[in-house]
Amino acid sequence: MGFVMAIAPVVIVGGIVVFVIQRLKHKFNQDNQGKKKSKGDQDLLDILIPMGMLIGCAIGVIWGMFFQISLLSTVSLGAGIGYLFGYFAYEIYN
Protein backbone atom coordinates (compact mmCIF):
# COMPACT_ATOMS: atom_id res chain seq x y z
CA MET A 1 0.00 0.00 0.00
CA GLY A 2 2.88 2.37 0.72
CA PHE A 3 4.29 1.86 -2.78
CA VAL A 4 0.96 2.85 -4.35
CA MET A 5 0.78 6.00 -2.23
CA ALA A 6 4.33 6.91 -3.27
CA ILE A 7 3.69 6.37 -6.98
CA ALA A 8 0.17 7.88 -7.19
CA PRO A 9 1.25 11.57 -7.35
CA VAL A 10 3.73 10.80 -10.12
CA VAL A 11 1.09 9.01 -12.17
CA ILE A 12 -1.55 11.72 -11.62
CA VAL A 13 0.77 14.63 -12.42
CA GLY A 14 2.24 12.72 -15.37
CA GLY A 15 -1.25 12.29 -16.82
CA ILE A 16 -1.98 15.98 -16.38
CA VAL A 17 1.29 17.00 -18.04
CA VAL A 18 0.76 14.67 -21.01
CA PHE A 19 -2.79 16.03 -21.46
CA VAL A 20 -1.69 19.68 -21.41
CA ILE A 21 1.30 19.11 -23.71
CA GLN A 22 -0.84 17.21 -26.23
CA ARG A 23 -3.46 19.99 -26.22
CA LEU A 24 -0.79 22.68 -26.71
CA LYS A 25 0.86 20.62 -29.47
CA HIS A 26 -2.52 20.31 -31.20
CA LYS A 27 -3.03 24.09 -31.01
CA PHE A 28 0.49 24.66 -32.35
CA ASN A 29 -0.07 22.32 -35.30
CA GLN A 30 -3.29 24.14 -36.16
CA ASP A 31 -1.44 27.47 -35.86
CA ASN A 32 -4.05 28.54 -33.33
CA GLN A 33 -1.77 29.65 -30.51
CA GLY A 34 -2.57 32.62 -28.35
CA LYS A 35 -1.33 35.84 -29.86
CA LYS A 36 -2.32 39.12 -28.28
CA LYS A 37 -1.85 42.53 -29.84
CA SER A 38 -0.48 44.38 -26.84
CA LYS A 39 2.72 43.38 -25.10
CA GLY A 40 1.12 43.44 -21.65
CA ASP A 41 -1.65 41.07 -22.68
CA GLN A 42 0.86 38.73 -24.34
CA ASP A 43 3.03 38.72 -21.23
CA LEU A 44 0.01 37.84 -19.08
CA LEU A 45 -0.94 35.05 -21.47
CA ASP A 46 2.61 33.66 -21.39
CA ILE A 47 2.82 33.63 -17.60
CA LEU A 48 -0.54 32.00 -16.78
CA ILE A 49 0.68 28.38 -16.79
CA PRO A 50 3.86 28.96 -14.72
CA MET A 51 1.93 31.17 -12.29
CA GLY A 52 -0.64 28.40 -11.88
CA MET A 53 2.16 26.00 -11.00
CA LEU A 54 3.60 28.38 -8.39
CA ILE A 55 0.23 28.97 -6.78
CA GLY A 56 -0.43 25.22 -6.82
CA CYS A 57 2.89 24.57 -5.06
CA ALA A 58 2.04 27.14 -2.41
CA ILE A 59 -1.35 25.57 -1.82
CA GLY A 60 0.32 22.15 -1.66
CA VAL A 61 2.74 23.36 1.01
CA ILE A 62 -0.09 24.83 3.07
CA TRP A 63 -2.12 21.63 2.65
CA GLY A 64 0.88 19.55 3.73
CA MET A 65 1.35 21.60 6.90
CA PHE A 66 -2.17 20.96 8.15
CA PHE A 67 -2.70 17.34 7.15
CA GLN A 68 -0.69 14.15 7.68
CA ILE A 69 0.33 13.80 4.05
CA SER A 70 3.89 13.77 2.75
CA LEU A 71 5.08 17.26 1.83
CA LEU A 72 6.63 15.91 -1.36
CA SER A 73 3.28 14.45 -2.44
CA THR A 74 1.33 17.61 -1.70
CA VAL A 75 3.83 19.87 -3.48
CA SER A 76 3.93 17.68 -6.58
CA LEU A 77 0.15 17.29 -6.71
CA GLY A 78 -0.26 21.02 -6.11
CA ALA A 79 2.10 21.85 -8.96
CA GLY A 80 0.35 19.43 -11.30
CA ILE A 81 -3.12 20.70 -10.48
CA GLY A 82 -1.86 24.28 -10.72
CA TYR A 83 -0.42 23.43 -14.14
CA LEU A 84 -3.83 22.20 -15.23
CA PHE A 85 -5.63 25.27 -13.87
CA GLY A 86 -3.01 27.52 -15.47
CA TYR A 87 -3.70 25.83 -18.79
CA PHE A 88 -7.46 26.34 -18.35
CA ALA A 89 -6.83 30.03 -17.56
CA TYR A 90 -4.67 30.20 -20.71
CA GLU A 91 -7.50 28.73 -22.77
CA ILE A 92 -10.10 31.07 -21.29
CA TYR A 93 -7.95 34.19 -21.71
CA ASN A 94 -6.94 33.12 -25.20
PDB file of N, CA and C in Angstrom:
ATOM      1  N   MET A   1       0.817  -1.195   0.000  1.00  0.00           N
ATOM      2  CA  MET A   1       0.000   0.000   0.000  1.00  0.00           C
ATOM      3  C   MET A   1       0.865   1.266   0.000  1.00  0.00           C
ATOM      4  N   GLY A   2       1.998   1.217   0.671  1.00  0.00           N
ATOM      5  CA  GLY A   2       2.885   2.368   0.717  1.00  0.00           C
ATOM      6  C   GLY A   2       3.471   2.700  -0.646  1.00  0.00           C
ATOM      7  N   PHE A   3       3.740   1.659  -1.442  1.00  0.00           N
ATOM      8  CA  PHE A   3       4.288   1.859  -2.779  1.00  0.00           C
ATOM      9  C   PHE A   3       3.275   2.590  -3.668  1.00  0.00           C
ATOM     10  N   VAL A   4       2.007   2.215  -3.542  1.00  0.00           N
ATOM     11  CA  VAL A   4       0.960   2.849  -4.348  1.00  0.00           C
ATOM     12  C   VAL A   4       0.824   4.319  -3.965  1.00  0.00           C
ATOM     13  N   MET A   5       0.891   4.617  -2.677  1.00  0.00           N
ATOM     14  CA  MET A   5       0.778   6.000  -2.226  1.00  0.00           C
ATOM     15  C   MET A   5       1.996   6.832  -2.653  1.00  0.00           C
ATOM     16  N   ALA A   6       3.136   6.195  -2.829  1.00  0.00           N
ATOM     17  CA  ALA A   6       4.328   6.908  -3.272  1.00  0.00           C
ATOM     18  C   ALA A   6       4.303   7.168  -4.771  1.00  0.00           C
ATOM     19  N   ILE A   7       3.709   6.276  -5.527  1.00  0.00           N
ATOM     20  CA  ILE A   7       3.688   6.371  -6.983  1.00  0.00           C
ATOM     21  C   ILE A   7       2.483   7.164  -7.498  1.00  0.00           C
ATOM     22  N   ALA A   8       1.403   7.236  -6.739  1.00  0.00           N
ATOM     23  CA  ALA A   8       0.166   7.882  -7.190  1.00  0.00           C
ATOM     24  C   ALA A   8       0.373   9.341  -7.628  1.00  0.00           C
ATOM     25  N   PRO A   9       1.075  10.194  -6.869  1.00  0.00           N
ATOM     26  CA  PRO A   9       1.252  11.574  -7.347  1.00  0.00           C
ATOM     27  C   PRO A   9       2.005  11.658  -8.674  1.00  0.00           C
ATOM     28  N   VAL A  10       2.969  10.789  -8.868  1.00  0.00           N
ATOM     29  CA  VAL A  10       3.728  10.803 -10.122  1.00  0.00           C
ATOM     30  C   VAL A  10       2.831  10.432 -11.298  1.00  0.00           C
ATOM     31  N   VAL A  11       1.988   9.448 -11.105  1.00  0.00           N
ATOM     32  CA  VAL A  11       1.085   9.012 -12.172  1.00  0.00           C
ATOM     33  C   VAL A  11       0.041  10.090 -12.472  1.00  0.00           C
ATOM     34  N   ILE A  12      -0.525  10.692 -11.436  1.00  0.00           N
ATOM     35  CA  ILE A  12      -1.550  11.723 -11.625  1.00  0.00           C
ATOM     36  C   ILE A  12      -0.960  12.947 -12.324  1.00  0.00           C
ATOM     37  N   VAL A  13       0.152  13.446 -11.824  1.00  0.00           N
ATOM     38  CA  VAL A  13       0.773  14.628 -12.423  1.00  0.00           C
ATOM     39  C   VAL A  13       1.290  14.316 -13.824  1.00  0.00           C
ATOM     40  N   GLY A  14       1.801  13.120 -14.031  1.00  0.00           N
ATOM     41  CA  GLY A  14       2.241  12.723 -15.366  1.00  0.00           C
ATOM     42  C   GLY A  14       1.099  12.736 -16.365  1.00  0.00           C
ATOM     43  N   GLY A  15      -0.069  12.256 -15.955  1.00  0.00           N
ATOM     44  CA  GLY A  15      -1.249  12.291 -16.824  1.00  0.00           C
ATOM     45  C   GLY A  15      -1.672  13.713 -17.151  1.00  0.00           C
ATOM     46  N   ILE A  16      -1.626  14.582 -16.151  1.00  0.00           N
ATOM     47  CA  ILE A  16      -1.984  15.985 -16.380  1.00  0.00           C
ATOM     48  C   ILE A  16      -1.008  16.631 -17.356  1.00  0.00           C
ATOM     49  N   VAL A  17       0.276  16.397 -17.174  1.00  0.00           N
ATOM     50  CA  VAL A  17       1.292  16.996 -18.042  1.00  0.00           C
ATOM     51  C   VAL A  17       1.149  16.494 -19.476  1.00  0.00           C
ATOM     52  N   VAL A  18       0.930  15.212 -19.653  1.00  0.00           N
ATOM     53  CA  VAL A  18       0.755  14.674 -21.010  1.00  0.00           C
ATOM     54  C   VAL A  18      -0.473  15.282 -21.668  1.00  0.00           C
ATOM     55  N   PHE A  19      -1.577  15.428 -20.917  1.00  0.00           N
ATOM     56  CA  PHE A  19      -2.794  16.028 -21.459  1.00  0.00           C
ATOM     57  C   PHE A  19      -2.537  17.462 -21.925  1.00  0.00           C
ATOM     58  N   VAL A  20      -1.910  18.269 -21.078  1.00  0.00           N
ATOM     59  CA  VAL A  20      -1.685  19.681 -21.413  1.00  0.00           C
ATOM     60  C   VAL A  20      -0.726  19.807 -22.591  1.00  0.00           C
ATOM     61  N   ILE A  21       0.334  19.026 -22.606  1.00  0.00           N
ATOM     62  CA  ILE A  21       1.297  19.112 -23.711  1.00  0.00           C
ATOM     63  C   ILE A  21       0.655  18.684 -25.022  1.00  0.00           C
ATOM     64  N   GLN A  22      -0.161  17.651 -25.002  1.00  0.00           N
ATOM     65  CA  GLN A  22      -0.839  17.215 -26.228  1.00  0.00           C
ATOM     66  C   GLN A  22      -1.810  18.278 -26.733  1.00  0.00           C
ATOM     67  N   ARG A  23      -2.536  18.924 -25.815  1.00  0.00           N
ATOM     68  CA  ARG A  23      -3.456  19.992 -26.220  1.00  0.00           C
ATOM     69  C   ARG A  23      -2.694  21.176 -26.815  1.00  0.00           C
ATOM     70  N   LEU A  24      -1.574  21.564 -26.185  1.00  0.00           N
ATOM     71  CA  LEU A  24      -0.790  22.681 -26.715  1.00  0.00           C
ATOM     72  C   LEU A  24      -0.136  22.326 -28.044  1.00  0.00           C
ATOM     73  N   LYS A  25       0.286  21.080 -28.202  1.00  0.00           N
ATOM     74  CA  LYS A  25       0.863  20.624 -29.467  1.00  0.00           C
ATOM     75  C   LYS A  25      -0.195  20.669 -30.575  1.00  0.00           C
ATOM     76  N   HIS A  26      -1.415  20.270 -30.226  1.00  0.00           N
ATOM     77  CA  HIS A  26      -2.517  20.305 -31.197  1.00  0.00           C
ATOM     78  C   HIS A  26      -2.800  21.750 -31.627  1.00  0.00           C
ATOM     79  N   LYS A  27      -2.814  22.682 -30.672  1.00  0.00           N
ATOM     80  CA  LYS A  27      -3.030  24.088 -31.005  1.00  0.00           C
ATOM     81  C   LYS A  27      -1.893  24.632 -31.858  1.00  0.00           C
ATOM     82  N   PHE A  28      -0.660  24.205 -31.564  1.00  0.00           N
ATOM     83  CA  PHE A  28       0.489  24.663 -32.346  1.00  0.00           C
ATOM     84  C   PHE A  28       0.415  24.150 -33.780  1.00  0.00           C
ATOM     85  N   ASN A  29       0.029  22.889 -33.954  1.00  0.00           N
ATOM     86  CA  ASN A  29      -0.070  22.315 -35.298  1.00  0.00           C
ATOM     87  C   ASN A  29      -1.174  22.972 -36.119  1.00  0.00           C
ATOM     88  N   GLN A  30      -2.218  23.445 -35.454  1.00  0.00           N
ATOM     89  CA  GLN A  30      -3.294  24.136 -36.164  1.00  0.00           C
ATOM     90  C   GLN A  30      -2.988  25.623 -36.332  1.00  0.00           C
ATOM     91  N   ASP A  31      -1.848  26.066 -35.832  1.00  0.00           N
ATOM     92  CA  ASP A  31      -1.439  27.472 -35.856  1.00  0.00           C
ATOM     93  C   ASP A  31      -2.503  28.346 -35.200  1.00  0.00           C
ATOM     94  N   ASN A  32      -2.979  27.867 -34.056  1.00  0.00           N
ATOM     95  CA  ASN A  32      -4.046  28.540 -33.329  1.00  0.00           C
ATOM     96  C   ASN A  32      -3.573  28.920 -31.924  1.00  0.00           C
ATOM     97  N   GLN A  33      -2.290  29.277 -31.812  1.00  0.00           N
ATOM     98  CA  GLN A  33      -1.766  29.648 -30.506  1.00  0.00           C
ATOM     99  C   GLN A  33      -2.224  31.046 -30.139  1.00  0.00           C
ATOM    100  N   GLY A  34      -2.137  31.329 -28.838  1.00  0.00           N
ATOM    101  CA  GLY A  34      -2.572  32.622 -28.351  1.00  0.00           C
ATOM    102  C   GLY A  34      -1.618  33.728 -28.735  1.00  0.00           C
ATOM    103  N   LYS A  35      -2.098  34.659 -29.491  1.00  0.00           N
ATOM    104  CA  LYS A  35      -1.333  35.841 -29.857  1.00  0.00           C
ATOM    105  C   LYS A  35      -2.182  37.053 -29.495  1.00  0.00           C
ATOM    106  N   LYS A  36      -1.635  37.894 -28.663  1.00  0.00           N
ATOM    107  CA  LYS A  36      -2.321  39.120 -28.278  1.00  0.00           C
ATOM    108  C   LYS A  36      -1.640  40.301 -28.939  1.00  0.00           C
ATOM    109  N   LYS A  37      -2.405  41.371 -29.148  1.00  0.00           N
ATOM    110  CA  LYS A  37      -1.851  42.528 -29.845  1.00  0.00           C
ATOM    111  C   LYS A  37      -0.945  43.371 -28.963  1.00  0.00           C
ATOM    112  N   SER A  38      -1.325  43.559 -27.708  1.00  0.00           N
ATOM    113  CA  SER A  38      -0.482  44.384 -26.843  1.00  0.00           C
ATOM    114  C   SER A  38       0.535  43.512 -26.102  1.00  0.00           C
ATOM    115  N   LYS A  39       1.660  44.117 -25.766  1.00  0.00           N
ATOM    116  CA  LYS A  39       2.724  43.379 -25.098  1.00  0.00           C
ATOM    117  C   LYS A  39       2.310  42.950 -23.694  1.00  0.00           C
ATOM    118  N   GLY A  40       1.578  43.785 -22.996  1.00  0.00           N
ATOM    119  CA  GLY A  40       1.125  43.444 -21.650  1.00  0.00           C
ATOM    120  C   GLY A  40       0.189  42.244 -21.644  1.00  0.00           C
ATOM    121  N   ASP A  41      -0.733  42.209 -22.589  1.00  0.00           N
ATOM    122  CA  ASP A  41      -1.650  41.070 -22.685  1.00  0.00           C
ATOM    123  C   ASP A  41      -0.912  39.793 -23.058  1.00  0.00           C
ATOM    124  N   GLN A  42       0.081  39.901 -23.945  1.00  0.00           N
ATOM    125  CA  GLN A  42       0.858  38.725 -24.338  1.00  0.00           C
ATOM    126  C   GLN A  42       1.695  38.213 -23.180  1.00  0.00           C
ATOM    127  N   ASP A  43       2.255  39.131 -22.398  1.00  0.00           N
ATOM    128  CA  ASP A  43       3.030  38.719 -21.226  1.00  0.00           C
ATOM    129  C   ASP A  43       2.153  37.993 -20.219  1.00  0.00           C
ATOM    130  N   LEU A  44       0.941  38.504 -19.996  1.00  0.00           N
ATOM    131  CA  LEU A  44       0.006  37.841 -19.079  1.00  0.00           C
ATOM    132  C   LEU A  44      -0.360  36.456 -19.594  1.00  0.00           C
ATOM    133  N   LEU A  45      -0.599  36.344 -20.879  1.00  0.00           N
ATOM    134  CA  LEU A  45      -0.939  35.053 -21.466  1.00  0.00           C
ATOM    135  C   LEU A  45       0.211  34.064 -21.321  1.00  0.00           C
ATOM    136  N   ASP A  46       1.440  34.536 -21.486  1.00  0.00           N
ATOM    137  CA  ASP A  46       2.609  33.664 -21.393  1.00  0.00           C
ATOM    138  C   ASP A  46       2.896  33.206 -19.968  1.00  0.00           C
ATOM    139  N   ILE A  47       2.465  33.956 -18.975  1.00  0.00           N
ATOM    140  CA  ILE A  47       2.820  33.627 -17.595  1.00  0.00           C
ATOM    141  C   ILE A  47       1.713  32.863 -16.861  1.00  0.00           C
ATOM    142  N   LEU A  48       0.579  32.644 -17.480  1.00  0.00           N
ATOM    143  CA  LEU A  48      -0.537  32.002 -16.780  1.00  0.00           C
ATOM    144  C   LEU A  48      -0.215  30.578 -16.326  1.00  0.00           C
ATOM    145  N   ILE A  49       0.397  29.773 -17.164  1.00  0.00           N
ATOM    146  CA  ILE A  49       0.684  28.384 -16.789  1.00  0.00           C
ATOM    147  C   ILE A  49       1.761  28.315 -15.700  1.00  0.00           C
ATOM    148  N   PRO A  50       2.890  29.019 -15.824  1.00  0.00           N
ATOM    149  CA  PRO A  50       3.863  28.965 -14.719  1.00  0.00           C
ATOM    150  C   PRO A  50       3.325  29.549 -13.411  1.00  0.00           C
ATOM    151  N   MET A  51       2.502  30.591 -13.501  1.00  0.00           N
ATOM    152  CA  MET A  51       1.929  31.169 -12.289  1.00  0.00           C
ATOM    153  C   MET A  51       0.966  30.181 -11.634  1.00  0.00           C
ATOM    154  N   GLY A  52       0.229  29.436 -12.433  1.00  0.00           N
ATOM    155  CA  GLY A  52      -0.644  28.399 -11.881  1.00  0.00           C
ATOM    156  C   GLY A  52       0.150  27.343 -11.136  1.00  0.00           C
ATOM    157  N   MET A  53       1.317  26.982 -11.682  1.00  0.00           N
ATOM    158  CA  MET A  53       2.164  25.996 -11.000  1.00  0.00           C
ATOM    159  C   MET A  53       2.686  26.534  -9.670  1.00  0.00           C
ATOM    160  N   LEU A  54       3.101  27.789  -9.636  1.00  0.00           N
ATOM    161  CA  LEU A  54       3.605  28.377  -8.391  1.00  0.00           C
ATOM    162  C   LEU A  54       2.509  28.461  -7.335  1.00  0.00           C
ATOM    163  N   ILE A  55       1.338  28.891  -7.727  1.00  0.00           N
ATOM    164  CA  ILE A  55       0.229  28.974  -6.777  1.00  0.00           C
ATOM    165  C   ILE A  55      -0.148  27.575  -6.306  1.00  0.00           C
ATOM    166  N   GLY A  56      -0.144  26.598  -7.212  1.00  0.00           N
ATOM    167  CA  GLY A  56      -0.432  25.221  -6.820  1.00  0.00           C
ATOM    168  C   GLY A  56       0.586  24.674  -5.832  1.00  0.00           C
ATOM    169  N   CYS A  57       1.854  24.994  -6.023  1.00  0.00           N
ATOM    170  CA  CYS A  57       2.892  24.571  -5.065  1.00  0.00           C
ATOM    171  C   CYS A  57       2.653  25.189  -3.696  1.00  0.00           C
ATOM    172  N   ALA A  58       2.306  26.469  -3.681  1.00  0.00           N
ATOM    173  CA  ALA A  58       2.043  27.140  -2.406  1.00  0.00           C
ATOM    174  C   ALA A  58       0.860  26.516  -1.687  1.00  0.00           C
ATOM    175  N   ILE A  59      -0.184  26.218  -2.418  1.00  0.00           N
ATOM    176  CA  ILE A  59      -1.351  25.568  -1.818  1.00  0.00           C
ATOM    177  C   ILE A  59      -0.982  24.172  -1.329  1.00  0.00           C
ATOM    178  N   GLY A  60      -0.141  23.471  -2.083  1.00  0.00           N
ATOM    179  CA  GLY A  60       0.317  22.149  -1.656  1.00  0.00           C
ATOM    180  C   GLY A  60       1.120  22.202  -0.367  1.00  0.00           C
ATOM    181  N   VAL A  61       1.960  23.211  -0.222  1.00  0.00           N
ATOM    182  CA  VAL A  61       2.745  23.358   1.015  1.00  0.00           C
ATOM    183  C   VAL A  61       1.819  23.634   2.191  1.00  0.00           C
ATOM    184  N   ILE A  62       0.856  24.522   1.998  1.00  0.00           N
ATOM    185  CA  ILE A  62      -0.093  24.825   3.073  1.00  0.00           C
ATOM    186  C   ILE A  62      -0.908  23.594   3.426  1.00  0.00           C
ATOM    187  N   TRP A  63      -1.360  22.857   2.427  1.00  0.00           N
ATOM    188  CA  TRP A  63      -2.124  21.626   2.654  1.00  0.00           C
ATOM    189  C   TRP A  63      -1.283  20.608   3.438  1.00  0.00           C
ATOM    190  N   GLY A  64      -0.011  20.492   3.074  1.00  0.00           N
ATOM    191  CA  GLY A  64       0.879  19.547   3.735  1.00  0.00           C
ATOM    192  C   GLY A  64       1.180  19.902   5.177  1.00  0.00           C
ATOM    193  N   MET A  65       1.102  21.192   5.519  1.00  0.00           N
ATOM    194  CA  MET A  65       1.350  21.597   6.899  1.00  0.00           C
ATOM    195  C   MET A  65       0.201  21.224   7.821  1.00  0.00           C
ATOM    196  N   PHE A  66      -1.005  21.196   7.300  1.00  0.00           N
ATOM    197  CA  PHE A  66      -2.169  20.964   8.150  1.00  0.00           C
ATOM    198  C   PHE A  66      -2.649  19.520   8.172  1.00  0.00           C
ATOM    199  N   PHE A  67      -2.234  18.712   7.215  1.00  0.00           N
ATOM    200  CA  PHE A  67      -2.700  17.335   7.150  1.00  0.00           C
ATOM    201  C   PHE A  67      -1.513  16.379   7.178  1.00  0.00           C
ATOM    202  N   GLN A  68      -1.744  15.158   7.555  1.00  0.00           N
ATOM    203  CA  GLN A  68      -0.691  14.154   7.682  1.00  0.00           C
ATOM    204  C   GLN A  68      -0.412  13.484   6.334  1.00  0.00           C
ATOM    205  N   ILE A  69      -0.021  14.281   5.383  1.00  0.00           N
ATOM    206  CA  ILE A  69       0.334  13.800   4.054  1.00  0.00           C
ATOM    207  C   ILE A  69       1.767  14.238   3.787  1.00  0.00           C
ATOM    208  N   SER A  70       2.508  13.442   3.073  1.00  0.00           N
ATOM    209  CA  SER A  70       3.893  13.773   2.755  1.00  0.00           C
ATOM    210  C   SER A  70       3.972  15.116   2.029  1.00  0.00           C
ATOM    211  N   LEU A  71       4.909  15.946   2.443  1.00  0.00           N
ATOM    212  CA  LEU A  71       5.082  17.255   1.826  1.00  0.00           C
ATOM    213  C   LEU A  71       5.458  17.128   0.352  1.00  0.00           C
ATOM    214  N   LEU A  72       6.253  16.126   0.027  1.00  0.00           N
ATOM    215  CA  LEU A  72       6.633  15.913  -1.364  1.00  0.00           C
ATOM    216  C   LEU A  72       5.413  15.594  -2.225  1.00  0.00           C
ATOM    217  N   SER A  73       4.502  14.788  -1.699  1.00  0.00           N
ATOM    218  CA  SER A  73       3.282  14.454  -2.440  1.00  0.00           C
ATOM    219  C   SER A  73       2.395  15.670  -2.632  1.00  0.00           C
ATOM    220  N   THR A  74       2.222  16.464  -1.574  1.00  0.00           N
ATOM    221  CA  THR A  74       1.327  17.615  -1.697  1.00  0.00           C
ATOM    222  C   THR A  74       1.900  18.676  -2.626  1.00  0.00           C
ATOM    223  N   VAL A  75       3.217  18.876  -2.594  1.00  0.00           N
ATOM    224  CA  VAL A  75       3.826  19.870  -3.480  1.00  0.00           C
ATOM    225  C   VAL A  75       3.728  19.413  -4.938  1.00  0.00           C
ATOM    226  N   SER A  76       3.999  18.152  -5.201  1.00  0.00           N
ATOM    227  CA  SER A  76       3.930  17.675  -6.583  1.00  0.00           C
ATOM    228  C   SER A  76       2.495  17.672  -7.102  1.00  0.00           C
ATOM    229  N   LEU A  77       1.552  17.241  -6.282  1.00  0.00           N
ATOM    230  CA  LEU A  77       0.149  17.291  -6.706  1.00  0.00           C
ATOM    231  C   LEU A  77      -0.321  18.733  -6.880  1.00  0.00           C
ATOM    232  N   GLY A  78       0.102  19.614  -5.988  1.00  0.00           N
ATOM    233  CA  GLY A  78      -0.262  21.022  -6.109  1.00  0.00           C
ATOM    234  C   GLY A  78       0.276  21.638  -7.390  1.00  0.00           C
ATOM    235  N   ALA A  79       1.516  21.317  -7.725  1.00  0.00           N
ATOM    236  CA  ALA A  79       2.099  21.850  -8.956  1.00  0.00           C
ATOM    237  C   ALA A  79       1.386  21.299 -10.189  1.00  0.00           C
ATOM    238  N   GLY A  80       1.048  20.025 -10.166  1.00  0.00           N
ATOM    239  CA  GLY A  80       0.346  19.430 -11.302  1.00  0.00           C
ATOM    240  C   GLY A  80      -1.046  19.992 -11.484  1.00  0.00           C
ATOM    241  N   ILE A  81      -1.768  20.144 -10.392  1.00  0.00           N
ATOM    242  CA  ILE A  81      -3.121  20.701 -10.477  1.00  0.00           C
ATOM    243  C   ILE A  81      -3.054  22.182 -10.847  1.00  0.00           C
ATOM    244  N   GLY A  82      -2.060  22.888 -10.329  1.00  0.00           N
ATOM    245  CA  GLY A  82      -1.864  24.283 -10.723  1.00  0.00           C
ATOM    246  C   GLY A  82      -1.519  24.411 -12.197  1.00  0.00           C
ATOM    247  N   TYR A  83      -0.755  23.468 -12.702  1.00  0.00           N
ATOM    248  CA  TYR A  83      -0.415  23.430 -14.139  1.00  0.00           C
ATOM    249  C   TYR A  83      -1.688  23.288 -14.971  1.00  0.00           C
ATOM    250  N   LEU A  84      -2.575  22.404 -14.524  1.00  0.00           N
ATOM    251  CA  LEU A  84      -3.834  22.199 -15.234  1.00  0.00           C
ATOM    252  C   LEU A  84      -4.707  23.449 -15.169  1.00  0.00           C
ATOM    253  N   PHE A  85      -4.823  24.061 -13.992  1.00  0.00           N
ATOM    254  CA  PHE A  85      -5.626  25.270 -13.870  1.00  0.00           C
ATOM    255  C   PHE A  85      -5.004  26.432 -14.637  1.00  0.00           C
ATOM    256  N   GLY A  86      -3.680  26.503 -14.674  1.00  0.00           N
ATOM    257  CA  GLY A  86      -3.008  27.524 -15.474  1.00  0.00           C
ATOM    258  C   GLY A  86      -3.300  27.343 -16.954  1.00  0.00           C
ATOM    259  N   TYR A  87      -3.353  26.097 -17.394  1.00  0.00           N
ATOM    260  CA  TYR A  87      -3.699  25.830 -18.794  1.00  0.00           C
ATOM    261  C   TYR A  87      -5.139  26.244 -19.078  1.00  0.00           C
ATOM    262  N   PHE A  88      -6.060  25.940 -18.154  1.00  0.00           N
ATOM    263  CA  PHE A  88      -7.455  26.344 -18.348  1.00  0.00           C
ATOM    264  C   PHE A  88      -7.578  27.866 -18.390  1.00  0.00           C
ATOM    265  N   ALA A  89      -6.832  28.572 -17.536  1.00  0.00           N
ATOM    266  CA  ALA A  89      -6.832  30.035 -17.562  1.00  0.00           C
ATOM    267  C   ALA A  89      -6.272  30.533 -18.898  1.00  0.00           C
ATOM    268  N   TYR A  90      -5.243  29.866 -19.409  1.00  0.00           N
ATOM    269  CA  TYR A  90      -4.672  30.200 -20.708  1.00  0.00           C
ATOM    270  C   TYR A  90      -5.718  30.043 -21.804  1.00  0.00           C
ATOM    271  N   GLU A  91      -6.470  28.963 -21.761  1.00  0.00           N
ATOM    272  CA  GLU A  91      -7.501  28.727 -22.766  1.00  0.00           C
ATOM    273  C   GLU A  91      -8.621  29.761 -22.673  1.00  0.00           C
ATOM    274  N   ILE A  92      -9.020  30.107 -21.458  1.00  0.00           N
ATOM    275  CA  ILE A  92     -10.099  31.072 -21.290  1.00  0.00           C
ATOM    276  C   ILE A  92      -9.652  32.456 -21.745  1.00  0.00           C
ATOM    277  N   TYR A  93      -8.443  32.853 -21.344  1.00  0.00           N
ATOM    278  CA  TYR A  93      -7.947  34.188 -21.707  1.00  0.00           C
ATOM    279  C   TYR A  93      -7.592  34.265 -23.182  1.00  0.00           C
ATOM    280  N   ASN A  94      -7.289  33.157 -23.796  1.00  0.00           N
ATOM    281  CA  ASN A  94      -6.945  33.122 -25.203  1.00  0.00           C
ATOM    282  C   ASN A  94      -8.199  33.336 -26.016  1.00  0.00           C
TER     283      ASN A  94
END
